[in-house]
N, C-alpha and C. Protein backbone atom coordinates (compact mmCIF):
# COMPACT_ATOMS: atom_id res chain seq x y z
N MET A 1 195.74 256.21 166.95
CA MET A 1 197.08 256.20 167.50
C MET A 1 197.91 257.21 166.72
N THR A 2 198.75 257.94 167.43
CA THR A 2 199.62 258.91 166.78
C THR A 2 201.08 258.47 166.89
N LEU A 3 201.93 259.19 166.22
CA LEU A 3 203.35 258.87 166.19
C LEU A 3 203.98 258.87 167.59
N ILE A 4 203.51 259.75 168.47
CA ILE A 4 204.10 259.82 169.81
C ILE A 4 203.67 258.67 170.71
N ASP A 5 202.66 257.89 170.27
CA ASP A 5 202.21 256.74 171.06
C ASP A 5 203.08 255.51 170.86
N LEU A 6 203.95 255.52 169.86
CA LEU A 6 204.85 254.39 169.63
C LEU A 6 205.88 254.30 170.76
N ASP A 7 206.31 253.09 171.04
CA ASP A 7 207.43 252.86 171.95
C ASP A 7 208.70 252.79 171.12
N PRO A 8 209.86 253.07 171.73
CA PRO A 8 211.10 252.99 170.97
C PRO A 8 211.25 251.64 170.26
N SER A 9 211.66 251.69 169.02
CA SER A 9 211.87 250.60 168.07
C SER A 9 210.58 249.99 167.52
N GLN A 10 209.42 250.52 167.87
CA GLN A 10 208.17 250.08 167.25
C GLN A 10 208.03 250.73 165.88
N VAL A 11 207.36 250.02 164.98
CA VAL A 11 207.16 250.50 163.62
C VAL A 11 205.67 250.75 163.39
N GLY A 12 205.38 251.87 162.76
CA GLY A 12 204.00 252.20 162.40
C GLY A 12 203.92 252.60 160.94
N ILE A 13 202.72 252.56 160.41
CA ILE A 13 202.46 252.96 159.03
C ILE A 13 201.58 254.20 159.06
N ILE A 14 202.00 255.23 158.34
CA ILE A 14 201.27 256.49 158.35
C ILE A 14 199.92 256.31 157.67
N GLU A 15 198.85 256.77 158.38
CA GLU A 15 197.49 256.70 157.84
C GLU A 15 196.95 258.08 157.47
N ILE A 16 197.18 259.08 158.32
CA ILE A 16 196.62 260.42 158.11
C ILE A 16 197.63 261.47 158.55
N LEU A 17 197.77 262.50 157.74
CA LEU A 17 198.56 263.68 158.12
C LEU A 17 197.57 264.80 158.41
N ASN A 18 197.44 265.19 159.66
CA ASN A 18 196.52 266.25 160.05
C ASN A 18 197.26 267.58 160.10
N GLY A 19 196.52 268.66 160.04
CA GLY A 19 197.10 269.99 160.12
C GLY A 19 196.76 270.81 158.89
N ASP A 20 197.23 272.04 158.88
CA ASP A 20 196.94 272.91 157.73
C ASP A 20 197.80 272.51 156.53
N SER A 21 197.49 273.10 155.39
CA SER A 21 198.17 272.69 154.16
C SER A 21 199.66 273.01 154.19
N LYS A 22 200.05 274.07 154.85
CA LYS A 22 201.47 274.43 154.95
C LYS A 22 202.23 273.36 155.75
N PHE A 23 201.63 272.89 156.85
CA PHE A 23 202.25 271.85 157.67
C PHE A 23 202.35 270.54 156.90
N LYS A 24 201.27 270.16 156.21
CA LYS A 24 201.28 268.92 155.43
C LYS A 24 202.33 268.97 154.33
N THR A 25 202.46 270.12 153.68
CA THR A 25 203.47 270.28 152.64
C THR A 25 204.88 270.10 153.21
N ARG A 26 205.12 270.67 154.38
CA ARG A 26 206.43 270.54 155.02
C ARG A 26 206.71 269.07 155.34
N LEU A 27 205.71 268.35 155.86
CA LEU A 27 205.90 266.93 156.16
C LEU A 27 206.20 266.13 154.89
N MET A 28 205.46 266.41 153.83
CA MET A 28 205.68 265.68 152.58
C MET A 28 207.07 265.96 152.00
N GLU A 29 207.57 267.17 152.18
CA GLU A 29 208.92 267.49 151.73
C GLU A 29 209.98 266.73 152.53
N MET A 30 209.64 266.35 153.76
CA MET A 30 210.57 265.58 154.60
C MET A 30 210.44 264.08 154.37
N GLY A 31 209.50 263.66 153.52
CA GLY A 31 209.37 262.25 153.19
C GLY A 31 208.15 261.55 153.76
N PHE A 32 207.30 262.27 154.47
CA PHE A 32 206.09 261.68 155.02
C PHE A 32 205.01 261.57 153.95
N SER A 33 204.37 260.42 153.87
CA SER A 33 203.19 260.26 153.02
C SER A 33 202.43 259.03 153.51
N ILE A 34 201.20 258.92 153.09
CA ILE A 34 200.33 257.83 153.51
C ILE A 34 200.96 256.50 153.06
N GLY A 35 200.98 255.53 153.99
CA GLY A 35 201.49 254.20 153.67
C GLY A 35 202.97 253.99 153.94
N ILE A 36 203.69 255.04 154.33
CA ILE A 36 205.12 254.93 154.60
C ILE A 36 205.34 254.41 156.03
N LYS A 37 206.33 253.53 156.19
CA LYS A 37 206.67 253.00 157.51
C LYS A 37 207.61 253.96 158.24
N VAL A 38 207.38 254.12 159.54
CA VAL A 38 208.25 254.92 160.39
C VAL A 38 208.59 254.12 161.63
N ARG A 39 209.80 254.27 162.11
CA ARG A 39 210.25 253.59 163.34
C ARG A 39 210.64 254.65 164.35
N LEU A 40 210.10 254.53 165.56
CA LEU A 40 210.47 255.46 166.62
C LEU A 40 211.83 255.03 167.18
N ILE A 41 212.76 255.96 167.20
CA ILE A 41 214.11 255.67 167.69
C ILE A 41 214.25 256.11 169.14
N ASN A 42 213.80 257.33 169.45
CA ASN A 42 214.02 257.88 170.79
C ASN A 42 212.96 258.92 171.11
N LYS A 43 212.56 258.97 172.38
CA LYS A 43 211.69 260.03 172.89
C LYS A 43 212.45 260.79 173.96
N MET A 44 212.54 262.08 173.81
CA MET A 44 213.18 262.90 174.83
C MET A 44 212.14 263.22 175.91
N PRO A 45 212.57 263.29 177.17
CA PRO A 45 211.62 263.56 178.25
C PRO A 45 211.14 265.02 178.25
N PHE A 46 210.10 265.26 179.04
CA PHE A 46 209.58 266.61 179.29
C PHE A 46 209.16 267.32 178.01
N SER A 47 208.37 266.66 177.20
CA SER A 47 207.84 267.24 175.96
C SER A 47 208.91 267.63 174.96
N GLY A 48 210.06 266.97 175.03
CA GLY A 48 211.12 267.21 174.06
C GLY A 48 210.80 266.52 172.75
N PRO A 49 211.68 266.65 171.77
CA PRO A 49 211.41 266.07 170.45
C PRO A 49 211.53 264.54 170.45
N ILE A 50 210.99 263.94 169.41
CA ILE A 50 211.16 262.51 169.19
C ILE A 50 212.05 262.34 167.97
N THR A 51 212.76 261.23 167.91
CA THR A 51 213.60 260.90 166.76
C THR A 51 213.01 259.68 166.09
N ILE A 52 212.84 259.77 164.78
CA ILE A 52 212.27 258.65 164.02
C ILE A 52 213.17 258.33 162.83
N ARG A 53 213.00 257.11 162.34
CA ARG A 53 213.63 256.70 161.08
C ARG A 53 212.49 256.61 160.07
N ILE A 54 212.66 257.32 158.97
CA ILE A 54 211.68 257.29 157.89
C ILE A 54 212.43 257.18 156.57
N ARG A 55 211.99 256.26 155.75
CA ARG A 55 212.68 255.93 154.50
C ARG A 55 214.13 255.58 154.85
N ASN A 56 215.12 256.30 154.37
CA ASN A 56 216.52 255.99 154.69
C ASN A 56 217.16 257.07 155.55
N GLY A 57 216.35 257.83 156.26
CA GLY A 57 216.91 258.92 157.05
C GLY A 57 216.36 258.97 158.46
N MET A 58 216.96 259.84 159.24
CA MET A 58 216.53 260.06 160.63
C MET A 58 216.06 261.50 160.73
N LEU A 59 214.96 261.70 161.46
CA LEU A 59 214.40 263.03 161.66
C LEU A 59 214.02 263.22 163.12
N SER A 60 214.07 264.45 163.56
CA SER A 60 213.54 264.80 164.87
C SER A 60 212.33 265.69 164.65
N LEU A 61 211.27 265.42 165.41
CA LEU A 61 210.04 266.19 165.33
C LEU A 61 209.62 266.64 166.71
N ARG A 62 209.03 267.82 166.77
CA ARG A 62 208.43 268.26 168.03
C ARG A 62 207.25 267.35 168.33
N LYS A 63 207.00 267.11 169.62
CA LYS A 63 205.88 266.24 169.99
C LYS A 63 204.56 266.81 169.50
N MET A 64 204.43 268.14 169.48
CA MET A 64 203.21 268.78 169.00
C MET A 64 202.98 268.42 167.52
N ASP A 65 204.04 268.40 166.72
CA ASP A 65 203.91 268.04 165.31
C ASP A 65 203.66 266.54 165.14
N ALA A 66 204.37 265.74 165.92
CA ALA A 66 204.21 264.29 165.83
C ALA A 66 202.81 263.84 166.22
N SER A 67 202.14 264.60 167.09
CA SER A 67 200.80 264.22 167.52
C SER A 67 199.78 264.41 166.41
N LYS A 68 200.14 265.08 165.33
CA LYS A 68 199.22 265.29 164.19
C LYS A 68 199.35 264.21 163.13
N ILE A 69 200.25 263.25 163.36
CA ILE A 69 200.47 262.18 162.39
C ILE A 69 199.84 260.90 162.92
N LYS A 70 198.76 260.48 162.30
CA LYS A 70 198.05 259.27 162.72
C LYS A 70 198.68 258.05 162.05
N ILE A 71 198.88 257.00 162.85
CA ILE A 71 199.52 255.78 162.33
C ILE A 71 198.75 254.55 162.79
N LYS A 72 199.09 253.42 162.18
CA LYS A 72 198.65 252.12 162.69
C LYS A 72 199.91 251.27 162.86
N LEU A 73 199.88 250.36 163.80
CA LEU A 73 201.04 249.51 164.04
C LEU A 73 201.28 248.59 162.86
N ASP A 74 202.53 248.38 162.54
CA ASP A 74 202.90 247.46 161.47
C ASP A 74 202.99 246.07 162.05
N GLY A 75 202.31 245.15 161.44
CA GLY A 75 202.44 243.78 161.91
C GLY A 75 201.20 243.12 162.24
């Protein structure tokens, strides 16, 4: 399951960050790491960005980037 598979207000736990090292570094600088909880806030239609809550902040990610983040459902 990836980050884009969540429904709004569902919570997932990050399991794997896929992509090249530059992409992974960028994600880690934004607060992504293995074991962190993320909540999907909003999905924009037509391949638009998604909005998530991670740690104490809100971020928007392109769906292409979000599809590289593997998660498991919390609960």
